[in-house]
Protein backbone atom coordinates (compact mmCIF):
# COMPACT_ATOMS: atom_id res chain seq x y z
CA MET A 1 12.53 -10.76 5.66
CA THR A 2 12.98 -7.10 6.48
CA VAL A 3 10.14 -5.12 8.05
CA ARG A 4 10.36 -2.37 5.45
CA LEU A 5 9.32 -3.07 1.88
CA ASP A 6 12.41 -2.45 -0.25
CA LYS A 7 11.45 -3.77 -3.67
CA PRO A 8 12.06 -1.54 -6.71
CA TRP A 9 9.36 0.94 -7.70
CA ILE A 10 7.14 0.20 -10.72
CA PRO A 11 5.48 2.98 -12.76
CA LEU A 12 1.82 3.30 -11.78
CA THR A 13 0.33 2.72 -15.22
CA GLN A 14 -2.52 0.63 -16.55
CA ALA A 15 -0.04 -1.55 -18.45
CA HIS A 16 1.94 -2.41 -15.31
CA VAL A 17 -1.11 -2.95 -13.11
CA ALA A 18 -2.68 -5.20 -15.77
CA GLN A 19 0.26 -7.60 -15.37
CA LEU A 20 -0.58 -8.27 -11.71
CA ALA A 21 -2.47 -11.34 -10.56
CA GLY A 22 -5.41 -11.32 -8.20
CA HIS A 23 -3.30 -12.22 -5.15
CA LEU A 24 -3.86 -10.80 -1.69
CA GLY A 25 -1.18 -8.55 -0.25
CA VAL A 26 0.03 -5.07 0.55
CA TYR A 27 1.31 -2.21 -1.55
CA GLN A 28 2.97 1.16 -1.26
CA LEU A 29 2.51 4.16 -3.51
CA ALA A 30 5.17 6.82 -4.02
CA ASP A 31 5.55 10.16 -5.74
CA ALA A 32 8.04 10.78 -8.54
CA ALA A 33 10.85 11.30 -6.02
CA GLY A 34 10.25 7.90 -4.41
CA ALA A 35 8.67 9.25 -1.21
CA ILE A 36 5.96 6.93 0.11
CA VAL A 37 2.59 8.70 0.00
CA TYR A 38 0.24 5.78 0.74
CA ILE A 39 0.31 2.27 2.18
CA GLY A 40 -2.55 0.02 1.16
CA VAL A 41 -3.86 -3.50 1.47
CA ALA A 42 -5.68 -5.87 -0.85
CA GLY A 43 -7.40 -8.17 1.59
CA GLY A 44 -10.14 -10.73 1.57
CA HIS A 45 -12.79 -8.16 0.63
CA SER A 46 -10.75 -6.77 -2.28
CA LEU A 47 -12.24 -7.66 -5.63
CA PHE A 48 -9.42 -9.16 -7.76
CA GLY A 49 -6.80 -8.67 -5.03
CA LEU A 50 -3.80 -6.46 -5.77
CA LYS A 51 -4.76 -6.05 -9.40
CA GLY A 52 -8.21 -4.77 -8.42
CA ALA A 53 -6.97 -2.51 -5.64
CA LEU A 54 -4.34 -0.87 -7.85
CA THR A 55 -6.79 -0.55 -10.74
CA GLU A 56 -8.98 1.50 -8.37
CA VAL A 57 -5.96 3.59 -7.37
CA LEU A 58 -5.35 4.43 -11.04
CA GLN A 59 -8.72 6.23 -11.14
CA ALA A 60 -7.55 8.81 -8.57
CA PRO A 61 -3.99 8.27 -7.32
CA PRO A 62 -3.64 9.68 -3.79
CA ALA A 63 -1.17 12.46 -3.01
CA GLY A 64 0.46 12.53 -6.45
CA ALA A 65 1.37 8.84 -6.55
CA THR A 66 3.18 7.85 -9.75
CA GLN A 67 4.72 4.51 -8.80
CA PHE A 68 4.03 1.43 -6.70
CA ARG A 69 5.55 -1.69 -5.22
CA TYR A 70 3.81 -4.64 -3.66
CA GLU A 71 4.19 -7.84 -1.69
CA VAL A 72 1.99 -10.91 -2.01
CA THR A 73 1.10 -12.30 1.41
CA MET A 74 -1.72 -14.20 3.03
CA ALA A 75 -0.86 -12.36 6.27
CA TYR A 76 -1.92 -9.09 4.63
CA HIS A 77 -3.49 -7.55 7.75
CA THR A 78 -0.43 -8.09 9.93
CA ARG A 79 1.93 -6.99 7.14
CA TYR A 80 -0.15 -3.86 6.48
CA LEU A 81 0.08 -2.87 10.14
CA GLU A 82 3.84 -3.57 10.15
CA LEU A 83 4.39 -1.28 7.17
CA LEU A 84 2.29 1.50 8.70
CA GLU A 85 4.11 1.21 12.03
CA ALA A 86 7.54 1.16 10.37
CA TYR A 87 6.69 4.27 8.38
CA ARG A 88 5.39 6.03 11.49
CA TYR A 89 8.54 5.05 13.38
CA ASP A 90 10.75 6.48 10.63
CA HIS A 91 8.77 9.69 10.02
CA ASP A 92 6.74 10.28 13.22
CA HIS A 93 3.50 10.37 11.18
CA LEU A 94 1.63 8.25 8.64
CA PRO A 95 1.93 8.75 4.87
CA VAL A 96 0.04 11.82 3.60
CA GLY A 97 -2.39 9.68 1.61
CA ASN A 98 -3.43 7.54 4.60
CA ILE A 99 -5.89 10.15 5.83
CA ASP A 100 -8.46 7.46 6.71
CA ILE A 101 -6.38 6.11 9.62
CA ASP A 102 -6.25 7.56 13.11
CA ALA A 103 -2.66 6.84 14.17
CA ARG A 104 -3.70 6.77 17.86
CA HIS A 105 -5.66 3.58 17.17
CA LEU A 106 -3.24 1.94 14.75
CA GLY A 107 -2.57 -1.10 16.93
CA ARG A 108 -6.31 -1.81 17.15
CA LEU A 109 -7.03 -1.20 13.45
CA ARG A 110 -9.47 -3.62 11.87
CA LEU A 111 -10.00 -4.03 8.16
CA GLY A 112 -13.58 -4.05 6.87
């Protein structure tokens, strides 16, 4: 398995999100050009897992997000941190939509 998530992008629409199951995992959001604008997690406190998390995103997509991709994993916390760190390594900053994370404390990040 590669560290970076390289699955194809899916349009961020109600119809596509409705097809998801309630699994735990991680997801990325991108703008129309395919640039990652947010990295998120559907963990143990997420109501309805990925489906619920992305349904919430549909209400107010961050930073112009128009598409998503996801990965089902029980190791969602570790995978979330891996994706954030890989993005920061590649771009020297976090995605523009991840304004709730202080990159200086990324290695010690805890999920609610």
